[in-house]
Amino acid sequence: MQRLPGIGSDHFPILIRLSYEPEEKAEQPQTRPDADTEEEADKIIEKGYTDQDDAQSGI
């Protein structure tokens, strides 16, 4: 990562080089949410489906 010369702004341009290496293993393990979080997400998703169905039926 490198900060580039100013361009007349209060922000500086930044140069960053990224490397996509799909053959490398993920460094962050896949985890499941705890039961409370999963339950809350399920309720939100279900409410979204219900609200969408209501909107489509004109309720």
PDB file of N, CA and C in Angstrom:
ATOM      1  N   MET A   1       0.858  -1.158   0.000  1.00  0.00           N
ATOM      2  CA  MET A   1       0.000   0.000   0.000  1.00  0.00           C
ATOM      3  C   MET A   1       0.906   1.222   0.000  1.00  0.00           C
ATOM      4  N   GLN A   2       0.512   2.200  -0.786  1.00  0.00           N
ATOM      5  CA  GLN A   2       1.363   3.381  -0.921  1.00  0.00           C
ATOM      6  C   GLN A   2       0.490   4.627  -1.037  1.00  0.00           C
ATOM      7  N   ARG A   3       0.856   5.673  -0.293  1.00  0.00           N
ATOM      8  CA  ARG A   3       0.178   6.962  -0.433  1.00  0.00           C
ATOM      9  C   ARG A   3       0.829   7.704  -1.593  1.00  0.00           C
ATOM     10  N   LEU A   4       0.029   8.150  -2.533  1.00  0.00           N
ATOM     11  CA  LEU A   4       0.525   8.850  -3.707  1.00  0.00           C
ATOM     12  C   LEU A   4       0.558  10.354  -3.443  1.00  0.00           C
ATOM     13  N   PRO A   5       1.217  11.103  -4.322  1.00  0.00           N
ATOM     14  CA  PRO A   5       1.292  12.561  -4.143  1.00  0.00           C
ATOM     15  C   PRO A   5      -0.100  13.207  -4.111  1.00  0.00           C
ATOM     16  N   GLY A   6      -0.190  14.333  -3.411  1.00  0.00           N
ATOM     17  CA  GLY A   6      -1.452  15.050  -3.293  1.00  0.00           C
ATOM     18  C   GLY A   6      -2.003  15.484  -4.644  1.00  0.00           C
ATOM     19  N   ILE A   7      -3.332  15.640  -4.703  1.00  0.00           N
ATOM     20  CA  ILE A   7      -3.990  16.043  -5.947  1.00  0.00           C
ATOM     21  C   ILE A   7      -4.807  17.317  -5.743  1.00  0.00           C
ATOM     22  N   GLY A   8      -4.484  18.058  -4.704  1.00  0.00           N
ATOM     23  CA  GLY A   8      -5.190  19.306  -4.451  1.00  0.00           C
ATOM     24  C   GLY A   8      -6.461  19.126  -3.637  1.00  0.00           C
ATOM     25  N   SER A   9      -6.568  18.054  -2.927  1.00  0.00           N
ATOM     26  CA  SER A   9      -7.733  17.757  -2.114  1.00  0.00           C
ATOM     27  C   SER A   9      -7.268  17.509  -0.684  1.00  0.00           C
ATOM     28  N   ASP A  10      -8.220  17.426   0.241  1.00  0.00           N
ATOM     29  CA  ASP A  10      -7.837  17.079   1.612  1.00  0.00           C
ATOM     30  C   ASP A  10      -7.737  15.564   1.779  1.00  0.00           C
ATOM     31  N   HIS A  11      -7.900  14.814   0.688  1.00  0.00           N
ATOM     32  CA  HIS A  11      -7.726  13.368   0.671  1.00  0.00           C
ATOM     33  C   HIS A  11      -6.528  13.024  -0.201  1.00  0.00           C
ATOM     34  N   PHE A  12      -5.803  12.016   0.155  1.00  0.00           N
ATOM     35  CA  PHE A  12      -4.671  11.576  -0.641  1.00  0.00           C
ATOM     36  C   PHE A  12      -5.048  10.316  -1.417  1.00  0.00           C
ATOM     37  N   PRO A  13      -4.592  10.226  -2.660  1.00  0.00           N
ATOM     38  CA  PRO A  13      -4.825   8.990  -3.394  1.00  0.00           C
ATOM     39  C   PRO A  13      -3.969   7.867  -2.800  1.00  0.00           C
ATOM     40  N   ILE A  14      -4.502   6.677  -2.814  1.00  0.00           N
ATOM     41  CA  ILE A  14      -3.817   5.505  -2.277  1.00  0.00           C
ATOM     42  C   ILE A  14      -3.704   4.464  -3.381  1.00  0.00           C
ATOM     43  N   LEU A  15      -2.547   3.858  -3.487  1.00  0.00           N
ATOM     44  CA  LEU A  15      -2.321   2.756  -4.412  1.00  0.00           C
ATOM     45  C   LEU A  15      -2.216   1.483  -3.592  1.00  0.00           C
ATOM     46  N   ILE A  16      -2.982   0.480  -3.974  1.00  0.00           N
ATOM     47  CA  ILE A  16      -2.917  -0.795  -3.271  1.00  0.00           C
ATOM     48  C   ILE A  16      -2.899  -1.899  -4.312  1.00  0.00           C
ATOM     49  N   ARG A  17      -2.093  -2.896  -4.067  1.00  0.00           N
ATOM     50  CA  ARG A  17      -2.016  -4.049  -4.966  1.00  0.00           C
ATOM     51  C   ARG A  17      -2.588  -5.255  -4.237  1.00  0.00           C
ATOM     52  N   LEU A  18      -3.554  -5.891  -4.880  1.00  0.00           N
ATOM     53  CA  LEU A  18      -4.205  -7.049  -4.297  1.00  0.00           C
ATOM     54  C   LEU A  18      -3.852  -8.278  -5.119  1.00  0.00           C
ATOM     55  N   SER A  19      -3.847  -9.396  -4.472  1.00  0.00           N
ATOM     56  CA  SER A  19      -3.544 -10.648  -5.144  1.00  0.00           C
ATOM     57  C   SER A  19      -4.649 -11.644  -4.850  1.00  0.00           C
ATOM     58  N   TYR A  20      -5.327 -12.104  -5.893  1.00  0.00           N
ATOM     59  CA  TYR A  20      -6.382 -13.102  -5.751  1.00  0.00           C
ATOM     60  C   TYR A  20      -5.754 -14.468  -5.963  1.00  0.00           C
ATOM     61  N   GLU A  21      -5.765 -15.291  -4.923  1.00  0.00           N
ATOM     62  CA  GLU A  21      -5.148 -16.611  -4.985  1.00  0.00           C
ATOM     63  C   GLU A  21      -6.159 -17.649  -4.519  1.00  0.00           C
ATOM     64  N   PRO A  22      -7.074 -18.058  -5.406  1.00  0.00           N
ATOM     65  CA  PRO A  22      -8.145 -18.967  -4.994  1.00  0.00           C
ATOM     66  C   PRO A  22      -7.670 -20.342  -4.547  1.00  0.00           C
ATOM     67  N   GLU A  23      -6.478 -20.745  -4.923  1.00  0.00           N
ATOM     68  CA  GLU A  23      -5.990 -22.064  -4.502  1.00  0.00           C
ATOM     69  C   GLU A  23      -5.541 -22.081  -3.046  1.00  0.00           C
ATOM     70  N   GLU A  24      -5.365 -20.909  -2.453  1.00  0.00           N
ATOM     71  CA  GLU A  24      -4.972 -20.823  -1.050  1.00  0.00           C
ATOM     72  C   GLU A  24      -6.170 -21.127  -0.166  1.00  0.00           C
ATOM     73  N   LYS A  25      -5.940 -21.768   0.968  1.00  0.00           N
ATOM     74  CA  LYS A  25      -7.011 -22.041   1.924  1.00  0.00           C
ATOM     75  C   LYS A  25      -7.425 -20.751   2.617  1.00  0.00           C
ATOM     76  N   ALA A  26      -8.677 -20.679   2.974  1.00  0.00           N
ATOM     77  CA  ALA A  26      -9.185 -19.516   3.699  1.00  0.00           C
ATOM     78  C   ALA A  26      -8.519 -19.465   5.074  1.00  0.00           C
ATOM     79  N   GLU A  27      -8.107 -18.278   5.471  1.00  0.00           N
ATOM     80  CA  GLU A  27      -7.472 -18.111   6.776  1.00  0.00           C
ATOM     81  C   GLU A  27      -8.508 -18.009   7.886  1.00  0.00           C
ATOM     82  N   GLN A  28      -9.724 -17.639   7.524  1.00  0.00           N
ATOM     83  CA  GLN A  28     -10.761 -17.455   8.516  1.00  0.00           C
ATOM     84  C   GLN A  28     -11.692 -18.661   8.472  1.00  0.00           C
ATOM     85  N   PRO A  29     -11.848 -19.374   9.575  1.00  0.00           N
ATOM     86  CA  PRO A  29     -12.696 -20.558   9.565  1.00  0.00           C
ATOM     87  C   PRO A  29     -14.174 -20.184   9.380  1.00  0.00           C
ATOM     88  N   GLN A  30     -14.899 -21.064   8.721  1.00  0.00           N
ATOM     89  CA  GLN A  30     -16.333 -20.868   8.563  1.00  0.00           C
ATOM     90  C   GLN A  30     -17.011 -21.222   9.891  1.00  0.00           C
ATOM     91  N   THR A  31     -17.835 -20.345  10.388  1.00  0.00           N
ATOM     92  CA  THR A  31     -18.522 -20.596  11.648  1.00  0.00           C
ATOM     93  C   THR A  31     -20.018 -20.383  11.466  1.00  0.00           C
ATOM     94  N   ARG A  32     -20.799 -21.017  12.289  1.00  0.00           N
ATOM     95  CA  ARG A  32     -22.249 -20.846  12.284  1.00  0.00           C
ATOM     96  C   ARG A  32     -22.609 -19.844  13.377  1.00  0.00           C
ATOM     97  N   PRO A  33     -23.688 -19.089  13.161  1.00  0.00           N
ATOM     98  CA  PRO A  33     -24.118 -18.156  14.200  1.00  0.00           C
ATOM     99  C   PRO A  33     -24.655 -18.924  15.407  1.00  0.00           C
ATOM    100  N   ASP A  34     -24.659 -18.260  16.564  1.00  0.00           N
ATOM    101  CA  ASP A  34     -25.219 -18.911  17.739  1.00  0.00           C
ATOM    102  C   ASP A  34     -26.732 -19.055  17.554  1.00  0.00           C
ATOM    103  N   ALA A  35     -27.370 -19.860  18.381  1.00  0.00           N
ATOM    104  CA  ALA A  35     -28.789 -20.188  18.227  1.00  0.00           C
ATOM    105  C   ALA A  35     -29.680 -18.947  18.257  1.00  0.00           C
ATOM    106  N   ASP A  36     -29.390 -17.987  19.153  1.00  0.00           N
ATOM    107  CA  ASP A  36     -30.209 -16.775  19.242  1.00  0.00           C
ATOM    108  C   ASP A  36     -30.128 -15.951  17.963  1.00  0.00           C
ATOM    109  N   THR A  37     -28.926 -15.795  17.435  1.00  0.00           N
ATOM    110  CA  THR A  37     -28.734 -15.022  16.206  1.00  0.00           C
ATOM    111  C   THR A  37     -29.423 -15.700  15.032  1.00  0.00           C
ATOM    112  N   GLU A  38     -29.290 -17.018  14.950  1.00  0.00           N
ATOM    113  CA  GLU A  38     -29.914 -17.753  13.860  1.00  0.00           C
ATOM    114  C   GLU A  38     -31.445 -17.652  13.942  1.00  0.00           C
ATOM    115  N   GLU A  39     -31.984 -17.747  15.137  1.00  0.00           N
ATOM    116  CA  GLU A  39     -33.435 -17.632  15.319  1.00  0.00           C
ATOM    117  C   GLU A  39     -33.922 -16.241  14.917  1.00  0.00           C
ATOM    118  N   GLU A  40     -33.188 -15.212  15.324  1.00  0.00           N
ATOM    119  CA  GLU A  40     -33.558 -13.838  14.974  1.00  0.00           C
ATOM    120  C   GLU A  40     -33.522 -13.642  13.465  1.00  0.00           C
ATOM    121  N   ALA A  41     -32.484 -14.173  12.810  1.00  0.00           N
ATOM    122  CA  ALA A  41     -32.374 -14.062  11.355  1.00  0.00           C
ATOM    123  C   ALA A  41     -33.535 -14.761  10.670  1.00  0.00           C
ATOM    124  N   ASP A  42     -33.894 -15.940  11.153  1.00  0.00           N
ATOM    125  CA  ASP A  42     -35.022 -16.677  10.577  1.00  0.00           C
ATOM    126  C   ASP A  42     -36.311 -15.865  10.679  1.00  0.00           C
ATOM    127  N   LYS A  43     -36.541 -15.203  11.825  1.00  0.00           N
ATOM    128  CA  LYS A  43     -37.737 -14.383  12.008  1.00  0.00           C
ATOM    129  C   LYS A  43     -37.742 -13.205  11.027  1.00  0.00           C
ATOM    130  N   ILE A  44     -36.607 -12.560  10.868  1.00  0.00           N
ATOM    131  CA  ILE A  44     -36.509 -11.413   9.956  1.00  0.00           C
ATOM    132  C   ILE A  44     -36.774 -11.861   8.521  1.00  0.00           C
ATOM    133  N   ILE A  45     -36.196 -12.985   8.137  1.00  0.00           N
ATOM    134  CA  ILE A  45     -36.403 -13.507   6.782  1.00  0.00           C
ATOM    135  C   ILE A  45     -37.868 -13.849   6.573  1.00  0.00           C
ATOM    136  N   GLU A  46     -38.478 -14.528   7.534  1.00  0.00           N
ATOM    137  CA  GLU A  46     -39.893 -14.899   7.419  1.00  0.00           C
ATOM    138  C   GLU A  46     -40.769 -13.658   7.327  1.00  0.00           C
ATOM    139  N   LYS A  47     -40.474 -12.642   8.124  1.00  0.00           N
ATOM    140  CA  LYS A  47     -41.239 -11.390   8.075  1.00  0.00           C
ATOM    141  C   LYS A  47     -41.098 -10.746   6.708  1.00  0.00           C
ATOM    142  N   GLY A  48     -39.908 -10.805   6.138  1.00  0.00           N
ATOM    143  CA  GLY A  48     -39.699 -10.245   4.805  1.00  0.00           C
ATOM    144  C   GLY A  48     -40.548 -10.953   3.769  1.00  0.00           C
ATOM    145  N   TYR A  49     -40.623 -12.262   3.854  1.00  0.00           N
ATOM    146  CA  TYR A  49     -41.462 -13.018   2.923  1.00  0.00           C
ATOM    147  C   TYR A  49     -42.930 -12.646   3.121  1.00  0.00           C
ATOM    148  N   THR A  50     -43.370 -12.557   4.377  1.00  0.00           N
ATOM    149  CA  THR A  50     -44.760 -12.220   4.675  1.00  0.00           C
ATOM    150  C   THR A  50     -45.088 -10.823   4.170  1.00  0.00           C
ATOM    151  N   ASP A  51     -44.209  -9.845   4.425  1.00  0.00           N
ATOM    152  CA  ASP A  51     -44.431  -8.472   3.974  1.00  0.00           C
ATOM    153  C   ASP A  51     -44.484  -8.407   2.449  1.00  0.00           C
ATOM    154  N   GLN A  52     -43.625  -9.164   1.791  1.00  0.00           N
ATOM    155  CA  GLN A  52     -43.592  -9.171   0.335  1.00  0.00           C
ATOM    156  C   GLN A  52     -44.885  -9.790  -0.209  1.00  0.00           C
ATOM    157  N   ASP A  53     -45.349 -10.873   0.400  1.00  0.00           N
ATOM    158  CA  ASP A  53     -46.589 -11.510  -0.035  1.00  0.00           C
ATOM    159  C   ASP A  53     -47.761 -10.542   0.144  1.00  0.00           C
ATOM    160  N   ASP A  54     -47.786  -9.812   1.277  1.00  0.00           N
ATOM    161  CA  ASP A  54     -48.848  -8.823   1.535  1.00  0.00           C
ATOM    162  C   ASP A  54     -48.815  -7.728   0.471  1.00  0.00           C
ATOM    163  N   ALA A  55     -47.621  -7.255   0.125  1.00  0.00           N
ATOM    164  CA  ALA A  55     -47.488  -6.190  -0.855  1.00  0.00           C
ATOM    165  C   ALA A  55     -47.976  -6.644  -2.232  1.00  0.00           C
ATOM    166  N   GLN A  56     -47.692  -7.868  -2.585  1.00  0.00           N
ATOM    167  CA  GLN A  56     -48.104  -8.375  -3.891  1.00  0.00           C
ATOM    168  C   GLN A  56     -49.603  -8.617  -3.960  1.00  0.00           C
ATOM    169  N   SER A  57     -50.233  -8.939  -2.828  1.00  0.00           N
ATOM    170  CA  SER A  57     -51.675  -9.201  -2.838  1.00  0.00           C
ATOM    171  C   SER A  57     -52.486  -7.926  -2.617  1.00  0.00           C
ATOM    172  N   GLY A  58     -51.808  -6.790  -2.393  1.00  0.00           N
ATOM    173  CA  GLY A  58     -52.493  -5.522  -2.224  1.00  0.00           C
ATOM    174  C   GLY A  58     -53.016  -5.256  -0.837  1.00  0.00           C
ATOM    175  N   ILE A  59     -52.525  -5.984   0.149  1.00  0.00           N
ATOM    176  CA  ILE A  59     -52.975  -5.786   1.547  1.00  0.00           C
ATOM    177  C   ILE A  59     -52.301  -4.567   2.128  1.00  0.00           C
TER     178      ILE A  59
END
